[in-house]
Amino acid sequence: VESGGGLVQAGGSLRVSCAASGRTFSNYAMGWFRQ
């Protein structure tokens, strides 16, 4: 589940997060994509 998106001005900063559940999290290499 991702969170933290929003509207920001050019030059600004933002942090998005992704919370995982269900299995041992350290079992998984992770990635971010965009579309």
ModelCIF file with pLDDT and N, C-alpha, C, O atoms, coordinates in Angstrom:
data_MODEL
#
_entry.id   MODEL 
#
_entity.id                         1 
_entity.type                       polymer 
_entity.pdbx_number_of_molecules   1 
#
_entity_poly.entity_id                      1 
_entity_poly.type                           'polypeptide(L)' 
_entity_poly.nstd_linkage                   no 
_entity_poly.nstd_monomer                   no 
_entity_poly.pdbx_seq_one_letter_code       VESGGGLVQAGGSLRVSCAASGRTFSNYAMGWFRQ 
_entity_poly.pdbx_seq_one_letter_code_can   VESGGGLVQAGGSLRVSCAASGRTFSNYAMGWFRQ 
_entity_poly.pdbx_strand_id                 A 
#
loop_
_entity_poly_seq.entity_id 
_entity_poly_seq.num 
_entity_poly_seq.mon_id 
_entity_poly_seq.hetero 
1 1  VAL n 
1 2  GLU n 
1 3  SER n 
1 4  GLY n 
1 5  GLY n 
1 6  GLY n 
1 7  LEU n 
1 8  VAL n 
1 9  GLN n 
1 10 ALA n 
1 11 GLY n 
1 12 GLY n 
1 13 SER n 
1 14 LEU n 
1 15 ARG n 
1 16 VAL n 
1 17 SER n 
1 18 CYS n 
1 19 ALA n 
1 20 ALA n 
1 21 SER n 
1 22 GLY n 
1 23 ARG n 
1 24 THR n 
1 25 PHE n 
1 26 SER n 
1 27 ASN n 
1 28 TYR n 
1 29 ALA n 
1 30 MET n 
1 31 GLY n 
1 32 TRP n 
1 33 PHE n 
1 34 ARG n 
1 35 GLN n 
#
_struct_asym.id          A 
_struct_asym.entity_id   1 
#
loop_
_ma_qa_metric.id 
_ma_qa_metric.mode 
_ma_qa_metric.name 
_ma_qa_metric.software_group_id 
_ma_qa_metric.type 
1 global pLDDT . pLDDT 
2 local  pLDDT . pLDDT 
#
_ma_qa_metric_global.metric_id      1 
_ma_qa_metric_global.metric_value   96.09 
_ma_qa_metric_global.model_id       1 
_ma_qa_metric_global.ordinal_id     1 
#
loop_
_ma_qa_metric_local.label_asym_id 
_ma_qa_metric_local.label_comp_id 
_ma_qa_metric_local.label_seq_id 
_ma_qa_metric_local.metric_id 
_ma_qa_metric_local.metric_value 
_ma_qa_metric_local.model_id 
_ma_qa_metric_local.ordinal_id 
A VAL 1  2 98.00 1 1  
A GLU 2  2 98.00 1 2  
A SER 3  2 97.00 1 3  
A GLY 4  2 97.00 1 4  
A GLY 5  2 96.00 1 5  
A GLY 6  2 97.00 1 6  
A LEU 7  2 98.00 1 7  
A VAL 8  2 98.00 1 8  
A GLN 9  2 98.00 1 9  
A ALA 10 2 98.00 1 10 
A GLY 11 2 98.00 1 11 
A GLY 12 2 98.00 1 12 
A SER 13 2 98.00 1 13 
A LEU 14 2 98.00 1 14 
A ARG 15 2 98.00 1 15 
A VAL 16 2 98.00 1 16 
A SER 17 2 98.00 1 17 
A CYS 18 2 98.00 1 18 
A ALA 19 2 98.00 1 19 
A ALA 20 2 97.00 1 20 
A SER 21 2 93.00 1 21 
A GLY 22 2 86.00 1 22 
A ARG 23 2 82.00 1 23 
A THR 24 2 91.00 1 24 
A PHE 25 2 93.00 1 25 
A SER 26 2 94.00 1 26 
A ASN 27 2 93.00 1 27 
A TYR 28 2 95.00 1 28 
A ALA 29 2 96.00 1 29 
A MET 30 2 97.00 1 30 
A GLY 31 2 97.00 1 31 
A TRP 32 2 98.00 1 32 
A PHE 33 2 98.00 1 33 
A ARG 34 2 98.00 1 34 
A GLN 35 2 98.00 1 35 
#
loop_
_atom_site.group_PDB 
_atom_site.id 
_atom_site.type_symbol 
_atom_site.label_atom_id 
_atom_site.label_alt_id 
_atom_site.label_comp_id 
_atom_site.label_asym_id 
_atom_site.label_entity_id 
_atom_site.label_seq_id 
_atom_site.pdbx_PDB_ins_code 
_atom_site.Cartn_x 
_atom_site.Cartn_y 
_atom_site.Cartn_z 
_atom_site.occupancy 
_atom_site.B_iso_or_equiv 
_atom_site.pdbx_formal_charge 
_atom_site.auth_seq_id 
_atom_site.auth_comp_id 
_atom_site.auth_asym_id 
_atom_site.auth_atom_id 
_atom_site.pdbx_PDB_model_num 
ATOM 1   N N  . VAL A 1 1  ? 0.852  -1.191  0.000   1.00 98.00 ? 1  VAL A N  1 
ATOM 2   C CA . VAL A 1 1  ? 0.000  0.000   0.000   1.00 98.00 ? 1  VAL A CA 1 
ATOM 3   C C  . VAL A 1 1  ? 0.890  1.244   0.000   1.00 98.00 ? 1  VAL A C  1 
ATOM 4   O O  . VAL A 1 1  ? 1.670  1.473   0.924   1.00 98.00 ? 1  VAL A O  1 
ATOM 5   N N  . GLU A 1 2  ? 0.749  2.040   -1.065  1.00 98.00 ? 2  GLU A N  1 
ATOM 6   C CA . GLU A 1 2  ? 1.516  3.273   -1.173  1.00 98.00 ? 2  GLU A CA 1 
ATOM 7   C C  . GLU A 1 2  ? 0.787  4.435   -0.517  1.00 98.00 ? 2  GLU A C  1 
ATOM 8   O O  . GLU A 1 2  ? -0.439 4.435   -0.407  1.00 98.00 ? 2  GLU A O  1 
ATOM 9   N N  . SER A 1 3  ? 1.553  5.416   -0.088  1.00 97.00 ? 3  SER A N  1 
ATOM 10  C CA . SER A 1 3  ? 0.988  6.641   0.463   1.00 97.00 ? 3  SER A CA 1 
ATOM 11  C C  . SER A 1 3  ? 1.987  7.775   0.290   1.00 97.00 ? 3  SER A C  1 
ATOM 12  O O  . SER A 1 3  ? 3.158  7.554   -0.020  1.00 97.00 ? 3  SER A O  1 
ATOM 13  N N  . GLY A 1 4  ? 1.497  9.000   0.499   1.00 97.00 ? 4  GLY A N  1 
ATOM 14  C CA . GLY A 1 4  ? 2.391  10.146  0.511   1.00 97.00 ? 4  GLY A CA 1 
ATOM 15  C C  . GLY A 1 4  ? 2.427  10.958  -0.759  1.00 97.00 ? 4  GLY A C  1 
ATOM 16  O O  . GLY A 1 4  ? 3.130  11.966  -0.832  1.00 97.00 ? 4  GLY A O  1 
ATOM 17  N N  . GLY A 1 5  ? 1.679  10.535  -1.766  1.00 96.00 ? 5  GLY A N  1 
ATOM 18  C CA . GLY A 1 5  ? 1.647  11.324  -2.979  1.00 96.00 ? 5  GLY A CA 1 
ATOM 19  C C  . GLY A 1 5  ? 0.934  12.647  -2.763  1.00 96.00 ? 5  GLY A C  1 
ATOM 20  O O  . GLY A 1 5  ? 0.322  12.874  -1.720  1.00 96.00 ? 5  GLY A O  1 
ATOM 21  N N  . GLY A 1 6  ? 1.020  13.518  -3.762  1.00 97.00 ? 6  GLY A N  1 
ATOM 22  C CA . GLY A 1 6  ? 0.360  14.808  -3.657  1.00 97.00 ? 6  GLY A CA 1 
ATOM 23  C C  . GLY A 1 6  ? 0.829  15.762  -4.720  1.00 97.00 ? 6  GLY A C  1 
ATOM 24  O O  . GLY A 1 6  ? 1.461  15.373  -5.702  1.00 97.00 ? 6  GLY A O  1 
ATOM 25  N N  . LEU A 1 7  ? 0.504  17.034  -4.503  1.00 98.00 ? 7  LEU A N  1 
ATOM 26  C CA . LEU A 1 7  ? 0.854  18.111  -5.430  1.00 98.00 ? 7  LEU A CA 1 
ATOM 27  C C  . LEU A 1 7  ? 2.016  18.901  -4.853  1.00 98.00 ? 7  LEU A C  1 
ATOM 28  O O  . LEU A 1 7  ? 1.988  19.302  -3.689  1.00 98.00 ? 7  LEU A O  1 
ATOM 29  N N  . VAL A 1 8  ? 3.035  19.123  -5.669  1.00 98.00 ? 8  VAL A N  1 
ATOM 30  C CA . VAL A 1 8  ? 4.206  19.863  -5.219  1.00 98.00 ? 8  VAL A CA 1 
ATOM 31  C C  . VAL A 1 8  ? 4.692  20.739  -6.365  1.00 98.00 ? 8  VAL A C  1 
ATOM 32  O O  . VAL A 1 8  ? 4.530  20.391  -7.535  1.00 98.00 ? 8  VAL A O  1 
ATOM 33  N N  . GLN A 1 9  ? 5.284  21.866  -6.026  1.00 98.00 ? 9  GLN A N  1 
ATOM 34  C CA . GLN A 1 9  ? 5.822  22.749  -7.061  1.00 98.00 ? 9  GLN A CA 1 
ATOM 35  C C  . GLN A 1 9  ? 7.156  22.233  -7.572  1.00 98.00 ? 9  GLN A C  1 
ATOM 36  O O  . GLN A 1 9  ? 7.883  21.541  -6.860  1.00 98.00 ? 9  GLN A O  1 
ATOM 37  N N  . ALA A 1 10 ? 7.465  22.576  -8.800  1.00 98.00 ? 10 ALA A N  1 
ATOM 38  C CA . ALA A 1 10 ? 8.757  22.212  -9.373  1.00 98.00 ? 10 ALA A CA 1 
ATOM 39  C C  . ALA A 1 10 ? 9.886  22.719  -8.467  1.00 98.00 ? 10 ALA A C  1 
ATOM 40  O O  . ALA A 1 10 ? 9.846  23.841  -7.962  1.00 98.00 ? 10 ALA A O  1 
ATOM 41  N N  . GLY A 1 11 ? 10.879 21.868  -8.282  1.00 98.00 ? 11 GLY A N  1 
ATOM 42  C CA . GLY A 1 11 ? 11.981 22.187  -7.398  1.00 98.00 ? 11 GLY A CA 1 
ATOM 43  C C  . GLY A 1 11 ? 11.768 21.727  -5.971  1.00 98.00 ? 11 GLY A C  1 
ATOM 44  O O  . GLY A 1 11 ? 12.694 21.745  -5.159  1.00 98.00 ? 11 GLY A O  1 
ATOM 45  N N  . GLY A 1 12 ? 10.557 21.317  -5.668  1.00 98.00 ? 12 GLY A N  1 
ATOM 46  C CA . GLY A 1 12 ? 10.234 20.887  -4.318  1.00 98.00 ? 12 GLY A CA 1 
ATOM 47  C C  . GLY A 1 12 ? 10.577 19.433  -4.070  1.00 98.00 ? 12 GLY A C  1 
ATOM 48  O O  . GLY A 1 12 ? 11.165 18.758  -4.915  1.00 98.00 ? 12 GLY A O  1 
ATOM 49  N N  . SER A 1 13 ? 10.192 18.965  -2.883  1.00 98.00 ? 13 SER A N  1 
ATOM 50  C CA . SER A 1 13 ? 10.488 17.601  -2.447  1.00 98.00 ? 13 SER A CA 1 
ATOM 51  C C  . SER A 1 13 ? 9.218  16.921  -1.967  1.00 98.00 ? 13 SER A C  1 
ATOM 52  O O  . SER A 1 13 ? 8.250  17.562  -1.559  1.00 98.00 ? 13 SER A O  1 
ATOM 53  N N  . LEU A 1 14 ? 9.262  15.591  -2.032  1.00 98.00 ? 14 LEU A N  1 
ATOM 54  C CA . LEU A 1 14 ? 8.140  14.788  -1.579  1.00 98.00 ? 14 LEU A CA 1 
ATOM 55  C C  . LEU A 1 14 ? 8.678  13.401  -1.245  1.00 98.00 ? 14 LEU A C  1 
ATOM 56  O O  . LEU A 1 14 ? 9.606  12.918  -1.893  1.00 98.00 ? 14 LEU A O  1 
ATOM 57  N N  . ARG A 1 15 ? 8.100  12.767  -0.240  1.00 98.00 ? 15 ARG A N  1 
ATOM 58  C CA . ARG A 1 15 ? 8.462  11.396  0.073   1.00 98.00 ? 15 ARG A CA 1 
ATOM 59  C C  . ARG A 1 15 ? 7.228  10.517  -0.010  1.00 98.00 ? 15 ARG A C  1 
ATOM 60  O O  . ARG A 1 15 ? 6.208  10.790  0.623   1.00 98.00 ? 15 ARG A O  1 
ATOM 61  N N  . VAL A 1 16 ? 7.336  9.463   -0.797  1.00 98.00 ? 16 VAL A N  1 
ATOM 62  C CA . VAL A 1 16 ? 6.272  8.473   -0.860  1.00 98.00 ? 16 VAL A CA 1 
ATOM 63  C C  . VAL A 1 16 ? 6.726  7.223   -0.132  1.00 98.00 ? 16 VAL A C  1 
ATOM 64  O O  . VAL A 1 16 ? 7.914  6.902   -0.090  1.00 98.00 ? 16 VAL A O  1 
ATOM 65  N N  . SER A 1 17 ? 5.755  6.523   0.442   1.00 98.00 ? 17 SER A N  1 
ATOM 66  C CA . SER A 1 17 ? 6.030  5.339   1.240   1.00 98.00 ? 17 SER A CA 1 
ATOM 67  C C  . SER A 1 17 ? 5.234  4.164   0.705   1.00 98.00 ? 17 SER A C  1 
ATOM 68  O O  . SER A 1 17 ? 4.229  4.332   0.014   1.00 98.00 ? 17 SER A O  1 
ATOM 69  N N  . CYS A 1 18 ? 5.704  2.973   1.038   1.00 98.00 ? 18 CYS A N  1 
ATOM 70  C CA . CYS A 1 18 ? 5.001  1.756   0.659   1.00 98.00 ? 18 CYS A CA 1 
ATOM 71  C C  . CYS A 1 18 ? 5.083  0.799   1.833   1.00 98.00 ? 18 CYS A C  1 
ATOM 72  O O  . CYS A 1 18 ? 6.165  0.345   2.205   1.00 98.00 ? 18 CYS A O  1 
ATOM 73  N N  . ALA A 1 19 ? 3.933  0.497   2.409   1.00 98.00 ? 19 ALA A N  1 
ATOM 74  C CA . ALA A 1 19 ? 3.865  -0.414  3.538   1.00 98.00 ? 19 ALA A CA 1 
ATOM 75  C C  . ALA A 1 19 ? 3.484  -1.805  3.052   1.00 98.00 ? 19 ALA A C  1 
ATOM 76  O O  . ALA A 1 19 ? 2.571  -1.963  2.241   1.00 98.00 ? 19 ALA A O  1 
ATOM 77  N N  . ALA A 1 20 ? 4.187  -2.802  3.551   1.00 97.00 ? 20 ALA A N  1 
ATOM 78  C CA . ALA A 1 20 ? 3.961  -4.184  3.139   1.00 97.00 ? 20 ALA A CA 1 
ATOM 79  C C  . ALA A 1 20 ? 3.387  -4.990  4.289   1.00 97.00 ? 20 ALA A C  1 
ATOM 80  O O  . ALA A 1 20 ? 3.656  -4.727  5.461   1.00 97.00 ? 20 ALA A O  1 
ATOM 81  N N  . SER A 1 21 ? 2.598  -5.968  3.922   1.00 93.00 ? 21 SER A N  1 
ATOM 82  C CA . SER A 1 21 ? 2.068  -6.888  4.915   1.00 93.00 ? 21 SER A CA 1 
ATOM 83  C C  . SER A 1 21 ? 1.914  -8.260  4.276   1.00 93.00 ? 21 SER A C  1 
ATOM 84  O O  . SER A 1 21 ? 1.834  -8.387  3.054   1.00 93.00 ? 21 SER A O  1 
ATOM 85  N N  . GLY A 1 22 ? 1.875  -9.269  5.107   1.00 86.00 ? 22 GLY A N  1 
ATOM 86  C CA . GLY A 1 22 ? 1.570  -10.603 4.634   1.00 86.00 ? 22 GLY A CA 1 
ATOM 87  C C  . GLY A 1 22 ? 2.680  -11.616 4.796   1.00 86.00 ? 22 GLY A C  1 
ATOM 88  O O  . GLY A 1 22 ? 2.412  -12.756 5.175   1.00 86.00 ? 22 GLY A O  1 
ATOM 89  N N  . ARG A 1 23 ? 3.902  -11.247 4.526   1.00 82.00 ? 23 ARG A N  1 
ATOM 90  C CA . ARG A 1 23 ? 5.017  -12.180 4.645   1.00 82.00 ? 23 ARG A CA 1 
ATOM 91  C C  . ARG A 1 23 ? 6.234  -11.425 5.200   1.00 82.00 ? 23 ARG A C  1 
ATOM 92  O O  . ARG A 1 23 ? 6.179  -10.213 5.406   1.00 82.00 ? 23 ARG A O  1 
ATOM 93  N N  . THR A 1 24 ? 7.303  -12.136 5.434   1.00 91.00 ? 24 THR A N  1 
ATOM 94  C CA . THR A 1 24 ? 8.525  -11.534 5.949   1.00 91.00 ? 24 THR A CA 1 
ATOM 95  C C  . THR A 1 24 ? 9.057  -10.532 4.931   1.00 91.00 ? 24 THR A C  1 
ATOM 96  O O  . THR A 1 24 ? 9.467  -10.897 3.829   1.00 91.00 ? 24 THR A O  1 
ATOM 97  N N  . PHE A 1 25 ? 9.040  -9.273  5.321   1.00 93.00 ? 25 PHE A N  1 
ATOM 98  C CA . PHE A 1 25 ? 9.349  -8.200  4.372   1.00 93.00 ? 25 PHE A CA 1 
ATOM 99  C C  . PHE A 1 25 ? 10.766 -8.320  3.828   1.00 93.00 ? 25 PHE A C  1 
ATOM 100 O O  . PHE A 1 25 ? 10.998 -8.029  2.654   1.00 93.00 ? 25 PHE A O  1 
ATOM 101 N N  . SER A 1 26 ? 11.705 -8.736  4.644   1.00 94.00 ? 26 SER A N  1 
ATOM 102 C CA . SER A 1 26 ? 13.091 -8.810  4.185   1.00 94.00 ? 26 SER A CA 1 
ATOM 103 C C  . SER A 1 26 ? 13.322 -9.923  3.167   1.00 94.00 ? 26 SER A C  1 
ATOM 104 O O  . SER A 1 26 ? 14.432 -10.061 2.653   1.00 94.00 ? 26 SER A O  1 
ATOM 105 N N  . ASN A 1 27 ? 12.312 -10.706 2.871   1.00 93.00 ? 27 ASN A N  1 
ATOM 106 C CA . ASN A 1 27 ? 12.427 -11.713 1.813   1.00 93.00 ? 27 ASN A CA 1 
ATOM 107 C C  . ASN A 1 27 ? 12.396 -11.097 0.420   1.00 93.00 ? 27 ASN A C  1 
ATOM 108 O O  . ASN A 1 27 ? 12.714 -11.763 -0.566  1.00 93.00 ? 27 ASN A O  1 
ATOM 109 N N  . TYR A 1 28 ? 12.005 -9.800  0.337   1.00 95.00 ? 28 TYR A N  1 
ATOM 110 C CA . TYR A 1 28 ? 11.675 -9.223  -0.952  1.00 95.00 ? 28 TYR A CA 1 
ATOM 111 C C  . TYR A 1 28 ? 12.577 -8.045  -1.325  1.00 95.00 ? 28 TYR A C  1 
ATOM 112 O O  . TYR A 1 28 ? 12.695 -7.076  -0.576  1.00 95.00 ? 28 TYR A O  1 
ATOM 113 N N  . ALA A 1 29 ? 13.206 -8.147  -2.492  1.00 96.00 ? 29 ALA A N  1 
ATOM 114 C CA . ALA A 1 29 ? 13.757 -6.956  -3.120  1.00 96.00 ? 29 ALA A CA 1 
ATOM 115 C C  . ALA A 1 29 ? 12.584 -6.114  -3.624  1.00 96.00 ? 29 ALA A C  1 
ATOM 116 O O  . ALA A 1 29 ? 11.572 -6.653  -4.074  1.00 96.00 ? 29 ALA A O  1 
ATOM 117 N N  . MET A 1 30 ? 12.724 -4.815  -3.547  1.00 97.00 ? 30 MET A N  1 
ATOM 118 C CA . MET A 1 30 ? 11.597 -3.926  -3.817  1.00 97.00 ? 30 MET A CA 1 
ATOM 119 C C  . MET A 1 30 ? 11.951 -2.886  -4.871  1.00 97.00 ? 30 MET A C  1 
ATOM 120 O O  . MET A 1 30 ? 13.119 -2.585  -5.115  1.00 97.00 ? 30 MET A O  1 
ATOM 121 N N  . GLY A 1 31 ? 10.913 -2.353  -5.480  1.00 97.00 ? 31 GLY A N  1 
ATOM 122 C CA . GLY A 1 31 ? 11.145 -1.328  -6.485  1.00 97.00 ? 31 GLY A CA 1 
ATOM 123 C C  . GLY A 1 31 ? 10.040 -0.302  -6.521  1.00 97.00 ? 31 GLY A C  1 
ATOM 124 O O  . GLY A 1 31 ? 8.931  -0.528  -6.036  1.00 97.00 ? 31 GLY A O  1 
ATOM 125 N N  . TRP A 1 32 ? 10.370 0.840   -7.109  1.00 98.00 ? 32 TRP A N  1 
ATOM 126 C CA . TRP A 1 32 ? 9.383  1.870   -7.412  1.00 98.00 ? 32 TRP A CA 1 
ATOM 127 C C  . TRP A 1 32 ? 9.295  2.035   -8.931  1.00 98.00 ? 32 TRP A C  1 
ATOM 128 O O  . TRP A 1 32 ? 10.310 2.072   -9.626  1.00 98.00 ? 32 TRP A O  1 
ATOM 129 N N  . PHE A 1 33 ? 8.078  2.132   -9.420  1.00 98.00 ? 33 PHE A N  1 
ATOM 130 C CA . PHE A 1 33 ? 7.802  2.401   -10.823 1.00 98.00 ? 33 PHE A CA 1 
ATOM 131 C C  . PHE A 1 33 ? 6.907  3.631   -10.899 1.00 98.00 ? 33 PHE A C  1 
ATOM 132 O O  . PHE A 1 33 ? 6.328  4.058   -9.900  1.00 98.00 ? 33 PHE A O  1 
ATOM 133 N N  . ARG A 1 34 ? 6.806  4.184   -12.085 1.00 98.00 ? 34 ARG A N  1 
ATOM 134 C CA . ARG A 1 34 ? 5.845  5.259   -12.297 1.00 98.00 ? 34 ARG A CA 1 
ATOM 135 C C  . ARG A 1 34 ? 5.237  5.138   -13.685 1.00 98.00 ? 34 ARG A C  1 
ATOM 136 O O  . ARG A 1 34 ? 5.832  4.579   -14.606 1.00 98.00 ? 34 ARG A O  1 
ATOM 137 N N  . GLN A 1 35 ? 4.045  5.675   -13.800 1.00 98.00 ? 35 GLN A N  1 
ATOM 138 C CA . GLN A 1 35 ? 3.355  5.653   -15.090 1.00 98.00 ? 35 GLN A CA 1 
ATOM 139 C C  . GLN A 1 35 ? 2.639  6.974   -15.283 1.00 98.00 ? 35 GLN A C  1 
ATOM 140 O O  . GLN A 1 35 ? 1.988  7.179   -16.308 1.00 98.00 ? 35 GLN A O  1 
#
